[in-house]
Amino acid sequence: MPEVIMYTTAVCPYCVQAKRLLSEKNVDVTEIRIDLNPSKREEMMTKSNRRSVPQIFIGDTHVGGCDDLYALERDDKLDALLQGR
């Protein structure tokens, strides 16, 4: 299973929703809080070309934000990505 990395902040409801979906799938998430470590915001923006949170990476794939994650789930593509296919 590829590593799942999520850039988040404490007060982001979309971050909570994305973490909830991944938790329901029993996926461990490496959470990087950009509000606690501002240098990680620059890292996130460089990797994703986006400023908003969450930014979700599954392995080498940049999923995007919460809506993008739920779209993958709706299209039955999330499980395959989480399994590295």
PDB file of N, CA and C in Angstrom:
ATOM      1  N   MET A   1       0.860  -1.186   0.000  1.00  0.00           N
ATOM      2  CA  MET A   1       0.000   0.000   0.000  1.00  0.00           C
ATOM      3  C   MET A   1       0.899   1.239   0.000  1.00  0.00           C
ATOM      4  N   PRO A   2       0.665   2.161  -0.913  1.00  0.00           N
ATOM      5  CA  PRO A   2       1.478   3.381  -0.962  1.00  0.00           C
ATOM      6  C   PRO A   2       1.216   4.277   0.246  1.00  0.00           C
ATOM      7  N   GLU A   3       2.209   5.085   0.586  1.00  0.00           N
ATOM      8  CA  GLU A   3       2.064   6.032   1.688  1.00  0.00           C
ATOM      9  C   GLU A   3       1.069   7.125   1.289  1.00  0.00           C
ATOM     10  N   VAL A   4       0.224   7.510   2.240  1.00  0.00           N
ATOM     11  CA  VAL A   4      -0.735   8.593   2.021  1.00  0.00           C
ATOM     12  C   VAL A   4      -0.283   9.775   2.875  1.00  0.00           C
ATOM     13  N   ILE A   5      -0.035  10.901   2.223  1.00  0.00           N
ATOM     14  CA  ILE A   5       0.395  12.125   2.892  1.00  0.00           C
ATOM     15  C   ILE A   5      -0.666  13.174   2.660  1.00  0.00           C
ATOM     16  N   MET A   6      -1.037  13.859   3.747  1.00  0.00           N
ATOM     17  CA  MET A   6      -2.046  14.903   3.645  1.00  0.00           C
ATOM     18  C   MET A   6      -1.539  16.162   4.350  1.00  0.00           C
ATOM     19  N   TYR A   7      -1.489  17.259   3.619  1.00  0.00           N
ATOM     20  CA  TYR A   7      -1.152  18.564   4.189  1.00  0.00           C
ATOM     21  C   TYR A   7      -2.450  19.174   4.704  1.00  0.00           C
ATOM     22  N   THR A   8      -2.459  19.591   5.977  1.00  0.00           N
ATOM     23  CA  THR A   8      -3.683  20.054   6.623  1.00  0.00           C
ATOM     24  C   THR A   8      -3.428  21.263   7.518  1.00  0.00           C
ATOM     25  N   THR A   9      -4.540  21.810   8.034  1.00  0.00           N
ATOM     26  CA  THR A   9      -4.506  22.754   9.147  1.00  0.00           C
ATOM     27  C   THR A   9      -5.540  22.289  10.168  1.00  0.00           C
ATOM     28  N   ALA A  10      -5.470  22.845  11.356  1.00  0.00           N
ATOM     29  CA  ALA A  10      -6.352  22.404  12.450  1.00  0.00           C
ATOM     30  C   ALA A  10      -7.811  22.778  12.221  1.00  0.00           C
ATOM     31  N   VAL A  11      -8.071  23.893  11.568  1.00  0.00           N
ATOM     32  CA  VAL A  11      -9.440  24.423  11.485  1.00  0.00           C
ATOM     33  C   VAL A  11     -10.112  24.168  10.136  1.00  0.00           C
ATOM     34  N   CYS A  12      -9.606  23.213   9.385  1.00  0.00           N
ATOM     35  CA  CYS A  12     -10.104  22.968   8.030  1.00  0.00           C
ATOM     36  C   CYS A  12     -11.142  21.845   8.028  1.00  0.00           C
ATOM     37  N   PRO A  13     -12.412  22.172   7.761  1.00  0.00           N
ATOM     38  CA  PRO A  13     -13.435  21.116   7.738  1.00  0.00           C
ATOM     39  C   PRO A  13     -13.241  20.120   6.586  1.00  0.00           C
ATOM     40  N   TYR A  14     -12.652  20.566   5.491  1.00  0.00           N
ATOM     41  CA  TYR A  14     -12.392  19.659   4.372  1.00  0.00           C
ATOM     42  C   TYR A  14     -11.304  18.644   4.727  1.00  0.00           C
ATOM     43  N   CYS A  15     -10.354  19.079   5.543  1.00  0.00           N
ATOM     44  CA  CYS A  15      -9.313  18.158   6.019  1.00  0.00           C
ATOM     45  C   CYS A  15      -9.950  17.068   6.873  1.00  0.00           C
ATOM     46  N   VAL A  16     -10.866  17.466   7.739  1.00  0.00           N
ATOM     47  CA  VAL A  16     -11.558  16.508   8.602  1.00  0.00           C
ATOM     48  C   VAL A  16     -12.336  15.504   7.760  1.00  0.00           C
ATOM     49  N   GLN A  17     -13.045  15.989   6.745  1.00  0.00           N
ATOM     50  CA  GLN A  17     -13.825  15.097   5.866  1.00  0.00           C
ATOM     51  C   GLN A  17     -12.926  14.104   5.134  1.00  0.00           C
ATOM     52  N   ALA A  18     -11.814  14.593   4.613  1.00  0.00           N
ATOM     53  CA  ALA A  18     -10.895  13.720   3.875  1.00  0.00           C
ATOM     54  C   ALA A  18     -10.292  12.671   4.807  1.00  0.00           C
ATOM     55  N   LYS A  19      -9.891  13.094   6.001  1.00  0.00           N
ATOM     56  CA  LYS A  19      -9.338  12.138   6.971  1.00  0.00           C
ATOM     57  C   LYS A  19     -10.388  11.107   7.361  1.00  0.00           C
ATOM     58  N   ARG A  20     -11.636  11.524   7.480  1.00  0.00           N
ATOM     59  CA  ARG A  20     -12.713  10.602   7.848  1.00  0.00           C
ATOM     60  C   ARG A  20     -12.880   9.515   6.786  1.00  0.00           C
ATOM     61  N   LEU A  21     -12.916   9.909   5.512  1.00  0.00           N
ATOM     62  CA  LEU A  21     -13.064   8.929   4.436  1.00  0.00           C
ATOM     63  C   LEU A  21     -11.909   7.931   4.453  1.00  0.00           C
ATOM     64  N   LEU A  22     -10.690   8.424   4.591  1.00  0.00           N
ATOM     65  CA  LEU A  22      -9.537   7.533   4.590  1.00  0.00           C
ATOM     66  C   LEU A  22      -9.533   6.638   5.828  1.00  0.00           C
ATOM     67  N   SER A  23      -9.980   7.174   6.947  1.00  0.00           N
ATOM     68  CA  SER A  23     -10.078   6.379   8.165  1.00  0.00           C
ATOM     69  C   SER A  23     -11.098   5.253   7.998  1.00  0.00           C
ATOM     70  N   GLU A  24     -12.222   5.546   7.351  1.00  0.00           N
ATOM     71  CA  GLU A  24     -13.243   4.521   7.090  1.00  0.00           C
ATOM     72  C   GLU A  24     -12.686   3.389   6.226  1.00  0.00           C
ATOM     73  N   LYS A  25     -11.665   3.710   5.437  1.00  0.00           N
ATOM     74  CA  LYS A  25     -11.025   2.705   4.586  1.00  0.00           C
ATOM     75  C   LYS A  25      -9.814   2.079   5.273  1.00  0.00           C
ATOM     76  N   ASN A  26      -9.644   2.394   6.568  1.00  0.00           N
ATOM     77  CA  ASN A  26      -8.524   1.866   7.369  1.00  0.00           C
ATOM     78  C   ASN A  26      -7.167   2.215   6.772  1.00  0.00           C
ATOM     79  N   VAL A  27      -7.046   3.439   6.300  1.00  0.00           N
ATOM     80  CA  VAL A  27      -5.807   3.918   5.700  1.00  0.00           C
ATOM     81  C   VAL A  27      -5.093   4.804   6.713  1.00  0.00           C
ATOM     82  N   ASP A  28      -3.819   4.492   6.951  1.00  0.00           N
ATOM     83  CA  ASP A  28      -2.996   5.356   7.797  1.00  0.00           C
ATOM     84  C   ASP A  28      -2.553   6.552   6.972  1.00  0.00           C
ATOM     85  N   VAL A  29      -2.678   7.729   7.564  1.00  0.00           N
ATOM     86  CA  VAL A  29      -2.340   8.975   6.877  1.00  0.00           C
ATOM     87  C   VAL A  29      -1.196   9.653   7.609  1.00  0.00           C
ATOM     88  N   THR A  30      -0.187  10.056   6.866  1.00  0.00           N
ATOM     89  CA  THR A  30       0.861  10.910   7.418  1.00  0.00           C
ATOM     90  C   THR A  30       0.368  12.336   7.243  1.00  0.00           C
ATOM     91  N   GLU A  31       0.049  12.968   8.363  1.00  0.00           N
ATOM     92  CA  GLU A  31      -0.518  14.317   8.320  1.00  0.00           C
ATOM     93  C   GLU A  31       0.582  15.340   8.561  1.00  0.00           C
ATOM     94  N   ILE A  32       0.647  16.327   7.680  1.00  0.00           N
ATOM     95  CA  ILE A  32       1.619  17.410   7.820  1.00  0.00           C
ATOM     96  C   ILE A  32       0.832  18.689   8.048  1.00  0.00           C
ATOM     97  N   ARG A  33       0.928  19.211   9.253  1.00  0.00           N
ATOM     98  CA  ARG A  33       0.170  20.413   9.627  1.00  0.00           C
ATOM     99  C   ARG A  33       0.953  21.661   9.229  1.00  0.00           C
ATOM    100  N   ILE A  34       0.481  22.331   8.196  1.00  0.00           N
ATOM    101  CA  ILE A  34       1.196  23.522   7.719  1.00  0.00           C
ATOM    102  C   ILE A  34       0.951  24.733   8.615  1.00  0.00           C
ATOM    103  N   ASP A  35      -0.086  24.671   9.472  1.00  0.00           N
ATOM    104  CA  ASP A  35      -0.293  25.772  10.407  1.00  0.00           C
ATOM    105  C   ASP A  35       0.714  25.709  11.561  1.00  0.00           C
ATOM    106  N   LEU A  36       1.232  24.535  11.859  1.00  0.00           N
ATOM    107  CA  LEU A  36       2.228  24.382  12.918  1.00  0.00           C
ATOM    108  C   LEU A  36       3.652  24.501  12.385  1.00  0.00           C
ATOM    109  N   ASN A  37       3.837  24.264  11.107  1.00  0.00           N
ATOM    110  CA  ASN A  37       5.156  24.293  10.497  1.00  0.00           C
ATOM    111  C   ASN A  37       5.070  25.030   9.166  1.00  0.00           C
ATOM    112  N   PRO A  38       5.168  26.365   9.207  1.00  0.00           N
ATOM    113  CA  PRO A  38       4.974  27.168   7.994  1.00  0.00           C
ATOM    114  C   PRO A  38       5.903  26.805   6.830  1.00  0.00           C
ATOM    115  N   SER A  39       7.085  26.272   7.098  1.00  0.00           N
ATOM    116  CA  SER A  39       7.984  25.902   5.994  1.00  0.00           C
ATOM    117  C   SER A  39       7.378  24.760   5.170  1.00  0.00           C
ATOM    118  N   LYS A  40       6.496  23.982   5.774  1.00  0.00           N
ATOM    119  CA  LYS A  40       5.847  22.895   5.051  1.00  0.00           C
ATOM    120  C   LYS A  40       4.802  23.416   4.064  1.00  0.00           C
ATOM    121  N   ARG A  41       4.294  24.634   4.288  1.00  0.00           N
ATOM    122  CA  ARG A  41       3.358  25.240   3.330  1.00  0.00           C
ATOM    123  C   ARG A  41       4.056  25.439   1.984  1.00  0.00           C
ATOM    124  N   GLU A  42       5.274  25.944   2.029  1.00  0.00           N
ATOM    125  CA  GLU A  42       6.038  26.148   0.796  1.00  0.00           C
ATOM    126  C   GLU A  42       6.302  24.810   0.106  1.00  0.00           C
ATOM    127  N   GLU A  43       6.630  23.792   0.898  1.00  0.00           N
ATOM    128  CA  GLU A  43       6.833  22.449   0.351  1.00  0.00           C
ATOM    129  C   GLU A  43       5.563  21.950  -0.344  1.00  0.00           C
ATOM    130  N   MET A  44       4.419  22.136   0.327  1.00  0.00           N
ATOM    131  CA  MET A  44       3.135  21.714  -0.228  1.00  0.00           C
ATOM    132  C   MET A  44       2.851  22.438  -1.538  1.00  0.00           C
ATOM    133  N   MET A  45       3.065  23.743  -1.560  1.00  0.00           N
ATOM    134  CA  MET A  45       2.771  24.530  -2.755  1.00  0.00           C
ATOM    135  C   MET A  45       3.691  24.135  -3.915  1.00  0.00           C
ATOM    136  N   THR A  46       4.926  23.821  -3.619  1.00  0.00           N
ATOM    137  CA  THR A  46       5.866  23.393  -4.654  1.00  0.00           C
ATOM    138  C   THR A  46       5.442  22.050  -5.240  1.00  0.00           C
ATOM    139  N   LYS A  47       5.037  21.124  -4.369  1.00  0.00           N
ATOM    140  CA  LYS A  47       4.659  19.780  -4.821  1.00  0.00           C
ATOM    141  C   LYS A  47       3.318  19.758  -5.548  1.00  0.00           C
ATOM    142  N   SER A  48       2.376  20.617  -5.131  1.00  0.00           N
ATOM    143  CA  SER A  48       1.012  20.523  -5.652  1.00  0.00           C
ATOM    144  C   SER A  48       0.613  21.667  -6.587  1.00  0.00           C
ATOM    145  N   ASN A  49       1.351  22.759  -6.576  1.00  0.00           N
ATOM    146  CA  ASN A  49       0.983  23.973  -7.300  1.00  0.00           C
ATOM    147  C   ASN A  49      -0.354  24.536  -6.818  1.00  0.00           C
ATOM    148  N   ARG A  50      -0.699  24.246  -5.567  1.00  0.00           N
ATOM    149  CA  ARG A  50      -1.932  24.761  -4.957  1.00  0.00           C
ATOM    150  C   ARG A  50      -1.624  25.325  -3.578  1.00  0.00           C
ATOM    151  N   ARG A  51      -2.497  26.223  -3.105  1.00  0.00           N
ATOM    152  CA  ARG A  51      -2.305  26.856  -1.803  1.00  0.00           C
ATOM    153  C   ARG A  51      -3.267  26.341  -0.743  1.00  0.00           C
ATOM    154  N   SER A  52      -4.366  25.755  -1.165  1.00  0.00           N
ATOM    155  CA  SER A  52      -5.422  25.368  -0.225  1.00  0.00           C
ATOM    156  C   SER A  52      -5.151  23.991   0.389  1.00  0.00           C
ATOM    157  N   VAL A  53      -5.770  23.760   1.528  1.00  0.00           N
ATOM    158  CA  VAL A  53      -5.690  22.454   2.178  1.00  0.00           C
ATOM    159  C   VAL A  53      -7.063  21.823   2.181  1.00  0.00           C
ATOM    160  N   PRO A  54      -7.140  20.516   2.228  1.00  0.00           N
ATOM    161  CA  PRO A  54      -6.001  19.607   2.240  1.00  0.00           C
ATOM    162  C   PRO A  54      -5.419  19.425   0.838  1.00  0.00           C
ATOM    163  N   GLN A  55      -4.167  19.024   0.826  1.00  0.00           N
ATOM    164  CA  GLN A  55      -3.543  18.524  -0.395  1.00  0.00           C
ATOM    165  C   GLN A  55      -3.140  17.091  -0.079  1.00  0.00           C
ATOM    166  N   ILE A  56      -3.615  16.162  -0.886  1.00  0.00           N
ATOM    167  CA  ILE A  56      -3.483  14.741  -0.599  1.00  0.00           C
ATOM    168  C   ILE A  56      -2.626  14.081  -1.670  1.00  0.00           C
ATOM    169  N   PHE A  57      -1.684  13.284  -1.200  1.00  0.00           N
ATOM    170  CA  PHE A  57      -0.806  12.509  -2.078  1.00  0.00           C
ATOM    171  C   PHE A  57      -0.929  11.046  -1.698  1.00  0.00           C
ATOM    172  N   ILE A  58      -1.154  10.206  -2.676  1.00  0.00           N
ATOM    173  CA  ILE A  58      -1.168   8.761  -2.467  1.00  0.00           C
ATOM    174  C   ILE A  58      -0.003   8.217  -3.284  1.00  0.00           C
ATOM    175  N   GLY A  59       1.034   7.794  -2.585  1.00  0.00           N
ATOM    176  CA  GLY A  59       2.264   7.417  -3.266  1.00  0.00           C
ATOM    177  C   GLY A  59       2.799   8.626  -4.010  1.00  0.00           C
ATOM    178  N   ASP A  60       3.106   8.449  -5.275  1.00  0.00           N
ATOM    179  CA  ASP A  60       3.620   9.549  -6.101  1.00  0.00           C
ATOM    180  C   ASP A  60       2.513  10.350  -6.776  1.00  0.00           C
ATOM    181  N   THR A  61       1.248   9.987  -6.528  1.00  0.00           N
ATOM    182  CA  THR A  61       0.116  10.630  -7.198  1.00  0.00           C
ATOM    183  C   THR A  61      -0.439  11.767  -6.353  1.00  0.00           C
ATOM    184  N   HIS A  62      -0.508  12.952  -6.931  1.00  0.00           N
ATOM    185  CA  HIS A  62      -1.160  14.084  -6.273  1.00  0.00           C
ATOM    186  C   HIS A  62      -2.647  13.975  -6.564  1.00  0.00           C
ATOM    187  N   VAL A  63      -3.415  13.649  -5.537  1.00  0.00           N
ATOM    188  CA  VAL A  63      -4.863  13.490  -5.681  1.00  0.00           C
ATOM    189  C   VAL A  63      -5.528  14.848  -5.800  1.00  0.00           C
ATOM    190  N   GLY A  64      -5.079  15.792  -5.000  1.00  0.00           N
ATOM    191  CA  GLY A  64      -5.697  17.114  -4.933  1.00  0.00           C
ATOM    192  C   GLY A  64      -6.301  17.314  -3.561  1.00  0.00           C
ATOM    193  N   GLY A  65      -7.483  17.910  -3.518  1.00  0.00           N
ATOM    194  CA  GLY A  65      -8.138  18.220  -2.255  1.00  0.00           C
ATOM    195  C   GLY A  65      -9.235  17.230  -1.914  1.00  0.00           C
ATOM    196  N   CYS A  66     -10.056  17.612  -0.963  1.00  0.00           N
ATOM    197  CA  CYS A  66     -11.133  16.765  -0.459  1.00  0.00           C
ATOM    198  C   CYS A  66     -12.125  16.402  -1.572  1.00  0.00           C
ATOM    199  N   ASP A  67     -12.543  17.379  -2.353  1.00  0.00           N
ATOM    200  CA  ASP A  67     -13.494  17.101  -3.438  1.00  0.00           C
ATOM    201  C   ASP A  67     -12.912  16.111  -4.436  1.00  0.00           C
ATOM    202  N   ASP A  68     -11.624  16.237  -4.716  1.00  0.00           N
ATOM    203  CA  ASP A  68     -10.958  15.329  -5.648  1.00  0.00           C
ATOM    204  C   ASP A  68     -10.919  13.909  -5.081  1.00  0.00           C
ATOM    205  N   LEU A  69     -10.663  13.798  -3.776  1.00  0.00           N
ATOM    206  CA  LEU A  69     -10.645  12.497  -3.121  1.00  0.00           C
ATOM    207  C   LEU A  69     -12.015  11.829  -3.199  1.00  0.00           C
ATOM    208  N   TYR A  70     -13.065  12.587  -2.891  1.00  0.00           N
ATOM    209  CA  TYR A  70     -14.421  12.046  -2.953  1.00  0.00           C
ATOM    210  C   TYR A  70     -14.835  11.712  -4.389  1.00  0.00           C
ATOM    211  N   ALA A  71     -14.332  12.462  -5.367  1.00  0.00           N
ATOM    212  CA  ALA A  71     -14.629  12.153  -6.769  1.00  0.00           C
ATOM    213  C   ALA A  71     -14.019  10.809  -7.158  1.00  0.00           C
ATOM    214  N   LEU A  72     -12.802  10.541  -6.676  1.00  0.00           N
ATOM    215  CA  LEU A  72     -12.185   9.242  -6.939  1.00  0.00           C
ATOM    216  C   LEU A  72     -13.018   8.122  -6.319  1.00  0.00           C
ATOM    217  N   GLU A  73     -13.504   8.358  -5.121  1.00  0.00           N
ATOM    218  CA  GLU A  73     -14.340   7.366  -4.447  1.00  0.00           C
ATOM    219  C   GLU A  73     -15.636   7.139  -5.228  1.00  0.00           C
ATOM    220  N   ARG A  74     -16.261   8.210  -5.656  1.00  0.00           N
ATOM    221  CA  ARG A  74     -17.521   8.137  -6.412  1.00  0.00           C
ATOM    222  C   ARG A  74     -17.331   7.374  -7.730  1.00  0.00           C
ATOM    223  N   ASP A  75     -16.149   7.542  -8.335  1.00  0.00           N
ATOM    224  CA  ASP A  75     -15.858   6.892  -9.620  1.00  0.00           C
ATOM    225  C   ASP A  75     -15.238   5.502  -9.442  1.00  0.00           C
ATOM    226  N   ASP A  76     -15.253   5.000  -8.205  1.00  0.00           N
ATOM    227  CA  ASP A  76     -14.683   3.679  -7.894  1.00  0.00           C
ATOM    228  C   ASP A  76     -13.220   3.554  -8.308  1.00  0.00           C
ATOM    229  N   LYS A  77     -12.448   4.627  -8.132  1.00  0.00           N
ATOM    230  CA  LYS A  77     -11.026   4.605  -8.477  1.00  0.00           C
ATOM    231  C   LYS A  77     -10.125   4.728  -7.258  1.00  0.00           C
ATOM    232  N   LEU A  78     -10.708   5.102  -6.110  1.00  0.00           N
ATOM    233  CA  LEU A  78      -9.880   5.344  -4.930  1.00  0.00           C
ATOM    234  C   LEU A  78      -9.247   4.068  -4.400  1.00  0.00           C
ATOM    235  N   ASP A  79     -10.006   2.999  -4.282  1.00  0.00           N
ATOM    236  CA  ASP A  79      -9.471   1.758  -3.722  1.00  0.00           C
ATOM    237  C   ASP A  79      -8.279   1.243  -4.530  1.00  0.00           C
ATOM    238  N   ALA A  80      -8.365   1.296  -5.837  1.00  0.00           N
ATOM    239  CA  ALA A  80      -7.245   0.843  -6.679  1.00  0.00           C
ATOM    240  C   ALA A  80      -6.013   1.701  -6.440  1.00  0.00           C
ATOM    241  N   LEU A  81      -6.192   3.002  -6.329  1.00  0.00           N
ATOM    242  CA  LEU A  81      -5.075   3.901  -6.082  1.00  0.00           C
ATOM    243  C   LEU A  81      -4.456   3.607  -4.719  1.00  0.00           C
ATOM    244  N   LEU A  82      -5.295   3.369  -3.720  1.00  0.00           N
ATOM    245  CA  LEU A  82      -4.796   3.055  -2.380  1.00  0.00           C
ATOM    246  C   LEU A  82      -4.055   1.720  -2.345  1.00  0.00           C
ATOM    247  N   GLN A  83      -4.382   0.843  -3.263  1.00  0.00           N
ATOM    248  CA  GLN A  83      -3.712  -0.464  -3.335  1.00  0.00           C
ATOM    249  C   GLN A  83      -2.499  -0.438  -4.255  1.00  0.00           C
ATOM    250  N   GLY A  84      -2.201   0.740  -4.792  1.00  0.00           N
ATOM    251  CA  GLY A  84      -1.023   0.882  -5.635  1.00  0.00           C
ATOM    252  C   GLY A  84      -1.206   0.416  -7.064  1.00  0.00           C
ATOM    253  N   ARG A  85      -2.467   0.381  -7.504  1.00  0.00           N
ATOM    254  CA  ARG A  85      -2.727  -0.032  -8.901  1.00  0.00           C
ATOM    255  C   ARG A  85      -3.090   1.148  -9.761  1.00  0.00           C
TER     256      ARG A  85
END
